[in-house]
Amino acid sequence: MQETERLRVGVVGVGSLGRHHARVYAGLPRASLVGVVDAIPDRAREVAAAYSTQAFAGYRELFGKVDAVSVATPTTLHAPIGEEFLGNGIHVLVEKPISNTLEGADRLIRAASANGRVLQVGHLERFNPAVRAVRAMVRRPRFFEAHRLGVFTPRSLDIDVILDLMIHDLDIIRLMVPAPPADIQAVGLAILTGRIDIANARIRFADGCVANLTASRVSTDKVRKLRLFHAREYISLDYTRQDAAVYTVERPREQEMPRIVARRIEPARREPLEAELESFVEACLGRTPVECSGEDGRATLELALEVLAQAEKAQAQEFDRL
């Protein structure tokens, strides 16, 4: 592709998240939004009109018209739809989680490899400016505390809260801890849906690091925070504000008492989705590596499914006792 050419892109699924993919693509200088698709035709037409593009009746109508596509459908459709696009030589950004099963993830990875196409997974928090700033500081963390709470909305109900919300923090923690998980304990409860809506997990990694994560989609407040501890240092990151506070223990002189020195990290704010889609476009054009590959998405999904299995086991045992 020539330097001056623009990547022809489409969006499949323009619900609560996919419509923002369309919005961002419409504003990227190196992308051209060819069209959108949705199971609800009126919604597709509404989004298409808003961003001066075309609404298509079915996703196969994009074959031959686009170079790349975002798949923002329900999770259970990620693998079959993404695999078809990859098989037709079209780059794919698939929203997180990569699939609801490891078999689905493997299908996508194989299709991308066989057809020489880019497969990127939409783990959005990797592109949060605060995460990028903190990630550069991380050195052998010993403990994580993550809280991701939200009010109930009728979206992503085909998956549980672990694959819906907790997976964001699982992905970031997995990036920062080089060791594999050694032990996973989890509990969860179904509150408003037939799936787990609130969950807590404790993960011990092989290097001794421990992560404690809580996720809820039935809370009264919205919280998106991650705290991590190094030796002599504590970092508190706020995903929503895109900033962090760093507390470091210093001892000015050997005979003096140690003191805590605080400082704030306030990187330039940017919409993570814009950074993510720009990264995808650049990767498709061969200008940069893929930021979150299919293999990355699969590894995070595998960890999330292990947490889910433990939570479901704990929930079943609790029901047995009632």
Protein backbone atom coordinates (compact mmCIF):
# COMPACT_ATOMS: atom_id res chain seq x y z
CA MET A 1 0.00 0.00 0.00
CA GLN A 2 1.34 3.41 -0.95
CA GLU A 3 2.22 5.94 1.73
CA THR A 4 -0.62 8.25 0.64
CA GLU A 5 -3.30 5.53 0.55
CA ARG A 6 -5.88 5.12 3.26
CA LEU A 7 -6.96 1.84 4.81
CA ARG A 8 -10.54 0.93 3.87
CA VAL A 9 -12.29 -0.14 7.07
CA GLY A 10 -15.69 -1.41 8.18
CA VAL A 11 -17.39 -2.09 11.50
CA VAL A 12 -19.50 -5.17 12.20
CA GLY A 13 -21.78 -4.56 15.17
CA VAL A 14 -22.53 -0.91 15.97
CA GLY A 15 -24.14 -1.24 19.38
CA SER A 16 -22.89 0.49 22.52
CA LEU A 17 -19.20 -0.01 21.65
CA GLY A 18 -19.16 -0.60 17.89
CA ARG A 19 -20.71 2.79 17.14
CA HIS A 20 -17.66 4.36 18.77
CA HIS A 21 -15.41 2.34 16.48
CA ALA A 22 -17.29 3.90 13.57
CA ARG A 23 -16.93 7.38 15.07
CA VAL A 24 -13.19 7.03 15.60
CA TYR A 25 -12.48 5.49 12.20
CA ALA A 26 -14.39 8.34 10.56
CA GLY A 27 -11.90 10.77 12.08
CA LEU A 28 -8.63 8.91 11.52
CA PRO A 29 -6.56 10.48 8.73
CA ARG A 30 -5.19 7.14 7.49
CA ALA A 31 -8.54 5.31 7.51
CA SER A 32 -11.59 5.49 5.27
CA LEU A 33 -14.83 4.21 6.81
CA VAL A 34 -16.49 2.22 4.00
CA GLY A 35 -19.50 0.98 5.91
CA VAL A 36 -21.14 -0.53 8.97
CA VAL A 37 -23.24 -3.63 9.64
CA ASP A 38 -25.59 -4.49 12.47
CA ALA A 39 -28.21 -7.13 13.22
CA ILE A 40 -30.64 -4.25 13.73
CA PRO A 41 -30.88 -2.52 10.31
CA ASP A 42 -32.25 0.75 11.70
CA ARG A 43 -29.29 1.04 14.04
CA ALA A 44 -26.86 0.43 11.18
CA ARG A 45 -28.57 3.13 9.12
CA GLU A 46 -28.52 5.56 12.04
CA VAL A 47 -24.78 5.12 12.64
CA ALA A 48 -24.01 5.22 8.92
CA ALA A 49 -25.86 8.51 8.57
CA ALA A 50 -24.06 9.99 11.57
CA TYR A 51 -20.63 9.27 10.08
CA SER A 52 -21.34 9.74 6.36
CA THR A 53 -20.88 6.12 5.38
CA GLN A 54 -22.99 3.20 4.11
CA ALA A 55 -25.10 0.68 6.01
CA PHE A 56 -24.86 -2.88 4.73
CA ALA A 57 -27.44 -5.60 5.30
CA GLY A 58 -24.92 -8.35 6.10
CA TYR A 59 -21.23 -8.52 6.98
CA ARG A 60 -20.36 -10.58 3.88
CA GLU A 61 -21.26 -7.55 1.77
CA LEU A 62 -18.02 -5.98 3.06
CA PHE A 63 -15.90 -8.68 1.39
CA GLY A 64 -13.89 -7.11 -1.41
CA LYS A 65 -14.78 -3.59 -0.24
CA VAL A 66 -12.61 -3.26 2.88
CA ASP A 67 -9.00 -3.94 3.85
CA ALA A 68 -9.73 -4.21 7.58
CA VAL A 69 -12.68 -4.54 9.92
CA SER A 70 -13.61 -4.18 13.58
CA VAL A 71 -15.75 -7.03 14.90
CA ALA A 72 -17.79 -5.65 17.81
CA THR A 73 -20.53 -8.27 17.85
CA PRO A 74 -21.57 -10.39 20.84
CA THR A 75 -18.57 -12.41 22.02
CA THR A 76 -19.97 -15.74 20.85
CA LEU A 77 -19.82 -14.48 17.24
CA HIS A 78 -16.24 -13.19 17.33
CA ALA A 79 -14.63 -16.41 16.10
CA PRO A 80 -16.98 -17.38 13.24
CA ILE A 81 -17.24 -13.84 11.83
CA GLY A 82 -13.58 -12.94 12.36
CA GLU A 83 -12.46 -16.20 10.78
CA GLU A 84 -14.46 -15.44 7.63
CA PHE A 85 -12.94 -12.00 7.25
CA LEU A 86 -9.41 -13.31 7.78
CA GLY A 87 -10.10 -16.08 5.26
CA ASN A 88 -11.04 -13.40 2.74
CA GLY A 89 -7.75 -11.57 3.25
CA ILE A 90 -9.13 -8.85 5.53
CA HIS A 91 -7.34 -7.67 8.68
CA VAL A 92 -9.40 -8.02 11.87
CA LEU A 93 -9.60 -6.17 15.15
CA VAL A 94 -11.83 -8.26 17.36
CA GLU A 95 -13.22 -6.75 20.53
CA LYS A 96 -12.25 -8.29 23.86
CA PRO A 97 -12.46 -11.03 24.82
CA ILE A 98 -11.02 -12.59 21.67
CA SER A 99 -13.68 -15.33 21.97
CA ASN A 100 -15.75 -17.06 24.60
CA THR A 101 -13.70 -20.26 24.13
CA LEU A 102 -10.05 -21.15 23.61
CA GLU A 103 -11.05 -23.15 20.55
CA GLY A 104 -12.54 -20.00 19.05
CA ALA A 105 -9.38 -18.05 19.84
CA ASP A 106 -7.27 -20.74 18.18
CA ARG A 107 -9.44 -20.59 15.05
CA LEU A 108 -8.83 -16.86 14.74
CA ILE A 109 -5.09 -17.19 15.33
CA ARG A 110 -4.77 -19.95 12.73
CA ALA A 111 -6.80 -17.99 10.17
CA ALA A 112 -4.65 -14.87 10.65
CA SER A 113 -1.45 -16.88 10.26
CA ALA A 114 -2.66 -18.87 7.25
CA ASN A 115 -3.73 -15.72 5.40
CA GLY A 116 -0.95 -13.38 6.50
CA ARG A 117 -3.38 -10.89 8.02
CA VAL A 118 -3.27 -8.76 11.16
CA LEU A 119 -5.32 -10.02 14.10
CA GLN A 120 -5.54 -7.52 16.97
CA VAL A 121 -7.59 -7.94 20.14
CA GLY A 122 -9.35 -4.93 21.63
CA HIS A 123 -7.89 -4.86 25.13
CA LEU A 124 -8.53 -1.15 25.43
CA GLU A 125 -6.76 -0.39 28.72
CA ARG A 126 -3.37 -1.15 27.14
CA PHE A 127 -3.83 2.19 25.37
CA ASN A 128 -4.82 4.16 28.47
CA PRO A 129 -2.15 6.90 28.91
CA ALA A 130 -1.89 6.19 32.65
CA VAL A 131 -1.33 2.47 32.04
CA ARG A 132 1.39 3.23 29.51
CA ALA A 133 3.13 5.60 31.94
CA VAL A 134 2.92 3.20 34.89
CA ARG A 135 3.89 0.16 32.84
CA ALA A 136 7.26 1.78 32.10
CA MET A 137 7.91 2.04 35.86
CA VAL A 138 6.96 -1.50 36.88
CA ARG A 139 9.70 -3.64 38.33
CA ARG A 140 8.92 -6.95 40.03
CA PRO A 141 5.55 -6.05 41.57
CA ARG A 142 4.59 -7.96 44.70
CA PHE A 143 0.87 -7.22 45.06
CA PHE A 144 -2.03 -5.89 42.96
CA GLU A 145 -5.45 -4.70 44.06
CA ALA A 146 -7.94 -4.09 41.22
CA HIS A 147 -11.50 -2.78 41.42
CA ARG A 148 -13.67 -2.50 38.32
CA LEU A 149 -17.27 -1.75 39.25
CA GLY A 150 -20.13 -0.51 37.13
CA VAL A 151 -23.87 0.02 37.20
CA PHE A 152 -26.02 -2.53 35.43
CA THR A 153 -26.69 -2.04 31.73
CA PRO A 154 -28.28 -4.58 29.35
CA ARG A 155 -25.10 -5.16 27.31
CA SER A 156 -22.63 -8.06 27.04
CA LEU A 157 -25.09 -10.35 28.77
CA ASP A 158 -23.91 -13.27 26.64
CA ILE A 159 -20.87 -13.42 28.93
CA ASP A 160 -20.27 -13.12 32.68
CA VAL A 161 -18.63 -10.21 34.52
CA ILE A 162 -15.23 -11.92 34.46
CA LEU A 163 -15.06 -12.04 30.67
CA ASP A 164 -16.86 -8.70 30.41
CA LEU A 165 -15.08 -6.47 32.96
CA MET A 166 -12.47 -8.27 35.07
CA ILE A 167 -10.64 -9.37 31.92
CA HIS A 168 -9.41 -5.77 31.45
CA ASP A 169 -7.44 -5.92 34.69
CA LEU A 170 -6.37 -9.51 34.15
CA ASP A 171 -4.79 -8.40 30.87
CA ILE A 172 -2.93 -5.45 32.44
CA ILE A 173 -1.70 -7.51 35.39
CA ARG A 174 -0.58 -10.26 33.03
CA LEU A 175 1.45 -7.65 31.13
CA MET A 176 3.18 -6.50 34.31
CA VAL A 177 3.90 -9.91 35.87
CA PRO A 178 6.37 -12.06 33.91
CA ALA A 179 5.55 -15.27 35.78
CA PRO A 180 2.64 -17.65 35.06
CA PRO A 181 -0.21 -18.08 37.55
CA ALA A 182 0.42 -20.80 40.13
CA ASP A 183 -2.85 -20.77 42.07
CA ILE A 184 -6.28 -19.23 41.44
CA GLN A 185 -9.12 -18.83 43.92
CA ALA A 186 -12.37 -17.10 43.00
CA VAL A 187 -15.94 -16.55 44.10
CA GLY A 188 -18.85 -15.12 42.18
CA LEU A 189 -22.60 -14.62 42.27
CA ALA A 190 -25.35 -14.20 39.72
CA ILE A 191 -27.46 -11.22 40.83
CA LEU A 192 -29.55 -9.82 37.97
CA THR A 193 -28.71 -12.21 35.14
CA GLY A 194 -28.25 -15.93 34.73
CA ARG A 195 -24.47 -15.44 34.73
CA ILE A 196 -21.99 -14.28 37.36
CA ASP A 197 -22.46 -10.52 37.87
CA ILE A 198 -20.03 -9.90 40.72
CA ALA A 199 -16.78 -11.74 41.33
CA ASN A 200 -13.57 -11.66 43.32
CA ALA A 201 -10.38 -13.51 42.43
CA ARG A 202 -7.07 -14.06 44.17
CA ILE A 203 -4.24 -15.11 41.89
CA ARG A 204 -0.81 -16.17 43.12
CA PHE A 205 1.88 -16.12 40.46
CA ALA A 206 4.92 -18.39 40.31
CA ASP A 207 7.26 -15.55 41.31
CA GLY A 208 5.28 -14.90 44.51
CA CYS A 209 3.29 -11.91 43.29
CA VAL A 210 -0.35 -11.88 44.41
CA ALA A 211 -3.27 -10.15 42.65
CA ASN A 212 -6.65 -9.53 44.24
CA LEU A 213 -9.35 -8.47 41.75
CA THR A 214 -12.99 -7.47 42.20
CA ALA A 215 -15.40 -6.86 39.32
CA SER A 216 -19.10 -6.02 39.41
CA ARG A 217 -21.68 -4.94 36.86
CA VAL A 218 -24.39 -4.44 39.48
CA SER A 219 -22.85 -1.68 41.59
CA THR A 220 -24.20 1.78 42.39
CA ASP A 221 -20.95 3.55 41.44
CA LYS A 222 -18.45 3.34 38.62
CA VAL A 223 -14.92 2.53 39.79
CA ARG A 224 -11.90 1.75 37.60
CA LYS A 225 -8.78 1.54 39.77
CA LEU A 226 -5.61 -0.52 39.98
CA ARG A 227 -3.13 -0.43 42.85
CA LEU A 228 0.24 -2.14 42.84
CA PHE A 229 3.10 -2.47 45.27
CA HIS A 230 6.84 -2.79 44.72
CA ALA A 231 9.47 -2.90 47.41
CA ARG A 232 9.39 0.60 48.94
CA GLU A 233 6.87 1.92 46.41
CA TYR A 234 3.09 2.02 45.98
CA ILE A 235 1.27 3.12 42.81
CA SER A 236 -2.45 3.92 42.58
CA LEU A 237 -3.79 4.19 39.03
CA ASP A 238 -7.17 5.58 38.04
CA TYR A 239 -8.21 4.35 34.60
CA THR A 240 -11.04 6.88 34.29
CA ARG A 241 -9.02 9.95 35.24
CA GLN A 242 -5.99 8.61 33.30
CA ASP A 243 -3.58 9.49 36.09
CA ALA A 244 -1.67 7.85 38.92
CA ALA A 245 -0.23 8.64 42.34
CA VAL A 246 3.15 7.22 43.30
CA TYR A 247 4.27 6.90 46.94
CA THR A 248 7.94 6.10 47.50
CA VAL A 249 9.71 5.34 50.78
CA GLU A 250 12.94 7.29 51.07
CA ARG A 251 15.60 7.34 53.79
CA PRO A 252 17.66 10.56 53.39
CA ARG A 253 20.32 9.41 55.85
CA GLU A 254 20.96 6.04 57.41
CA GLN A 255 20.22 7.27 60.93
CA GLU A 256 17.03 9.11 60.01
CA MET A 257 13.52 7.75 59.93
CA PRO A 258 12.25 6.87 56.45
CA ARG A 259 9.70 9.18 54.87
CA ILE A 260 7.02 8.78 52.21
CA VAL A 261 7.38 11.02 49.17
CA ALA A 262 4.31 11.42 46.95
CA ARG A 263 4.13 12.50 43.33
CA ARG A 264 1.49 12.47 40.63
CA ILE A 265 1.73 11.15 37.09
CA GLU A 266 -0.55 13.05 34.74
CA PRO A 267 0.19 12.07 31.12
CA ALA A 268 -1.53 13.89 28.28
CA ARG A 269 -5.09 12.64 28.09
CA ARG A 270 -6.22 10.71 25.03
CA GLU A 271 -9.18 8.51 24.22
CA PRO A 272 -7.85 4.94 24.51
CA LEU A 273 -10.11 3.74 21.67
CA GLU A 274 -8.64 6.32 19.32
CA ALA A 275 -5.11 5.19 20.23
CA GLU A 276 -6.12 1.54 19.83
CA LEU A 277 -7.69 1.95 16.38
CA GLU A 278 -4.87 4.15 15.18
CA SER A 279 -2.46 1.41 16.28
CA PHE A 280 -4.52 -1.18 14.39
CA VAL A 281 -4.55 0.91 11.21
CA GLU A 282 -0.78 1.44 11.40
CA ALA A 283 -0.21 -2.29 11.94
CA CYS A 284 -2.40 -3.14 8.94
CA LEU A 285 -0.38 -0.69 6.83
CA GLY A 286 2.80 -2.47 7.93
CA ARG A 287 4.15 0.56 9.78
CA THR A 288 4.13 -0.77 13.37
CA PRO A 289 3.91 -4.13 15.18
CA VAL A 290 0.55 -5.39 16.48
CA GLU A 291 0.03 -4.04 20.00
CA CYS A 292 -2.22 -6.84 21.27
CA SER A 293 -1.94 -9.97 19.14
CA GLY A 294 -4.24 -12.94 18.94
CA GLU A 295 -1.79 -14.87 21.10
CA ASP A 296 -1.94 -12.10 23.73
CA GLY A 297 -5.73 -12.19 23.67
CA ARG A 298 -5.75 -15.96 23.99
CA ALA A 299 -3.43 -15.92 27.01
CA THR A 300 -5.64 -13.40 28.79
CA LEU A 301 -8.76 -15.38 27.87
CA GLU A 302 -7.21 -18.56 29.26
CA LEU A 303 -6.54 -16.85 32.58
CA ALA A 304 -10.07 -15.39 32.65
CA LEU A 305 -11.63 -18.79 31.94
CA GLU A 306 -9.64 -20.32 34.80
CA VAL A 307 -10.95 -17.60 37.13
CA LEU A 308 -14.48 -18.22 35.84
CA ALA A 309 -14.21 -21.97 36.42
CA GLN A 310 -13.20 -21.39 40.04
CA ALA A 311 -15.98 -18.85 40.58
CA GLU A 312 -18.61 -21.14 39.10
CA LYS A 313 -17.33 -24.01 41.25
CA ALA A 314 -17.59 -21.87 44.38
CA GLN A 315 -21.08 -20.70 43.43
CA ALA A 316 -22.25 -24.29 42.85
CA GLN A 317 -20.87 -25.38 46.23
CA GLU A 318 -22.69 -22.50 47.91
CA PHE A 319 -25.97 -23.51 46.27
CA ASP A 320 -25.43 -27.10 47.43
CA ARG A 321 -25.22 -25.88 51.01
CA LEU A 322 -28.50 -23.97 50.85
